[in-house]
Amino acid sequence: MATQVDESTVKLDPKVVGNAFAEQYYNTLSKSPELLHNFYNDASLIGRPGSDGSVSPISTLEVSFV
């Protein structure tokens, strides 16, 4: 008998998720760098630590003002 899991109650360890992402990202980077765009979408943000230790989100898209 199959067991159904309510995905809204599944708790994932952020370290496990981060490690899985990093492993897949760097494997793709080394083997198929032309596919790296698949890791990002229009709403993607990256965090950069500042000199004071705070992290600021930065968009991965180029913004042009017309």
C-alpha atoms as a PDB file:
ATOM      1  CA  MET A   1       0.000   0.000   0.000  1.00  0.00           C
ATOM      2  CA  ALA A   2       1.454   3.376  -1.040  1.00  0.00           C
ATOM      3  CA  THR A   3       1.816   6.098   1.555  1.00  0.00           C
ATOM      4  CA  GLN A   4       0.920   9.662   0.616  1.00  0.00           C
ATOM      5  CA  VAL A   5       2.977  12.521   2.049  1.00  0.00           C
ATOM      6  CA  ASP A   6       1.530  15.983   2.500  1.00  0.00           C
ATOM      7  CA  GLU A   7       4.354  18.085   1.008  1.00  0.00           C
ATOM      8  CA  SER A   8       3.310  21.148   3.025  1.00  0.00           C
ATOM      9  CA  THR A   9       4.380  19.361   6.232  1.00  0.00           C
ATOM     10  CA  VAL A  10       7.732  17.999   5.028  1.00  0.00           C
ATOM     11  CA  LYS A  11      10.632  19.721   6.809  1.00  0.00           C
ATOM     12  CA  LEU A  12      13.887  19.855   4.869  1.00  0.00           C
ATOM     13  CA  ASP A  13      17.229  20.603   6.453  1.00  0.00           C
ATOM     14  CA  PRO A  14      18.584  23.778   4.759  1.00  0.00           C
ATOM     15  CA  LYS A  15      22.113  22.316   4.830  1.00  0.00           C
ATOM     16  CA  VAL A  16      20.969  19.224   2.932  1.00  0.00           C
ATOM     17  CA  VAL A  17      19.160  21.367   0.337  1.00  0.00           C
ATOM     18  CA  GLY A  18      22.163  23.703  -0.027  1.00  0.00           C
ATOM     19  CA  ASN A  19      24.618  20.836  -0.385  1.00  0.00           C
ATOM     20  CA  ALA A  20      22.442  19.114  -3.002  1.00  0.00           C
ATOM     21  CA  PHE A  21      22.130  22.366  -4.960  1.00  0.00           C
ATOM     22  CA  ALA A  22      25.884  23.048  -4.800  1.00  0.00           C
ATOM     23  CA  GLU A  23      26.724  19.509  -5.908  1.00  0.00           C
ATOM     24  CA  GLN A  24      24.367  19.677  -8.894  1.00  0.00           C
ATOM     25  CA  TYR A  25      25.472  23.223  -9.786  1.00  0.00           C
ATOM     26  CA  TYR A  26      29.202  22.465  -9.792  1.00  0.00           C
ATOM     27  CA  ASN A  27      28.740  19.148 -11.605  1.00  0.00           C
ATOM     28  CA  THR A  28      26.832  21.024 -14.310  1.00  0.00           C
ATOM     29  CA  LEU A  29      29.444  23.804 -14.340  1.00  0.00           C
ATOM     30  CA  SER A  30      32.255  21.316 -14.955  1.00  0.00           C
ATOM     31  CA  LYS A  31      30.461  19.005 -17.404  1.00  0.00           C
ATOM     32  CA  SER A  32      27.855  21.149 -19.229  1.00  0.00           C
ATOM     33  CA  PRO A  33      28.327  24.866 -18.478  1.00  0.00           C
ATOM     34  CA  GLU A  34      25.943  25.784 -21.301  1.00  0.00           C
ATOM     35  CA  LEU A  35      23.113  24.404 -19.124  1.00  0.00           C
ATOM     36  CA  LEU A  36      23.764  26.608 -16.070  1.00  0.00           C
ATOM     37  CA  HIS A  37      20.962  28.972 -17.091  1.00  0.00           C
ATOM     38  CA  ASN A  38      18.546  26.233 -15.973  1.00  0.00           C
ATOM     39  CA  PHE A  39      19.434  26.982 -12.344  1.00  0.00           C
ATOM     40  CA  TYR A  40      18.022  30.510 -12.599  1.00  0.00           C
ATOM     41  CA  ASN A  41      14.734  32.204 -13.432  1.00  0.00           C
ATOM     42  CA  ASP A  42      13.433  35.776 -13.621  1.00  0.00           C
ATOM     43  CA  ALA A  43      13.039  35.973  -9.848  1.00  0.00           C
ATOM     44  CA  SER A  44      16.469  34.548  -8.949  1.00  0.00           C
ATOM     45  CA  LEU A  45      18.459  36.394  -6.316  1.00  0.00           C
ATOM     46  CA  ILE A  46      21.919  35.776  -4.933  1.00  0.00           C
ATOM     47  CA  GLY A  47      23.271  37.001  -1.625  1.00  0.00           C
ATOM     48  CA  ARG A  48      26.550  38.816  -1.207  1.00  0.00           C
ATOM     49  CA  PRO A  49      27.977  39.432   2.260  1.00  0.00           C
ATOM     50  CA  GLY A  50      28.972  43.009   2.988  1.00  0.00           C
ATOM     51  CA  SER A  51      32.015  44.104   4.979  1.00  0.00           C
ATOM     52  CA  ASP A  52      29.799  44.399   8.075  1.00  0.00           C
ATOM     53  CA  GLY A  53      28.596  40.783   7.717  1.00  0.00           C
ATOM     54  CA  SER A  54      25.105  41.629   6.490  1.00  0.00           C
ATOM     55  CA  VAL A  55      23.864  39.877   3.346  1.00  0.00           C
ATOM     56  CA  SER A  56      22.232  41.878   0.571  1.00  0.00           C
ATOM     57  CA  PRO A  57      20.171  40.199  -2.165  1.00  0.00           C
ATOM     58  CA  ILE A  58      21.201  40.955  -5.739  1.00  0.00           C
ATOM     59  CA  SER A  59      19.191  40.146  -8.873  1.00  0.00           C
ATOM     60  CA  THR A  60      20.852  37.903 -11.435  1.00  0.00           C
ATOM     61  CA  LEU A  61      19.173  39.725 -14.302  1.00  0.00           C
ATOM     62  CA  GLU A  62      20.637  42.665 -16.142  1.00  0.00           C
ATOM     63  CA  VAL A  63      18.361  45.643 -15.700  1.00  0.00           C
ATOM     64  CA  SER A  64      18.129  48.184 -18.497  1.00  0.00           C
ATOM     65  CA  PHE A  65      16.412  51.517 -18.137  1.00  0.00           C
ATOM     66  CA  VAL A  66      14.811  52.923 -21.265  1.00  0.00           C
END
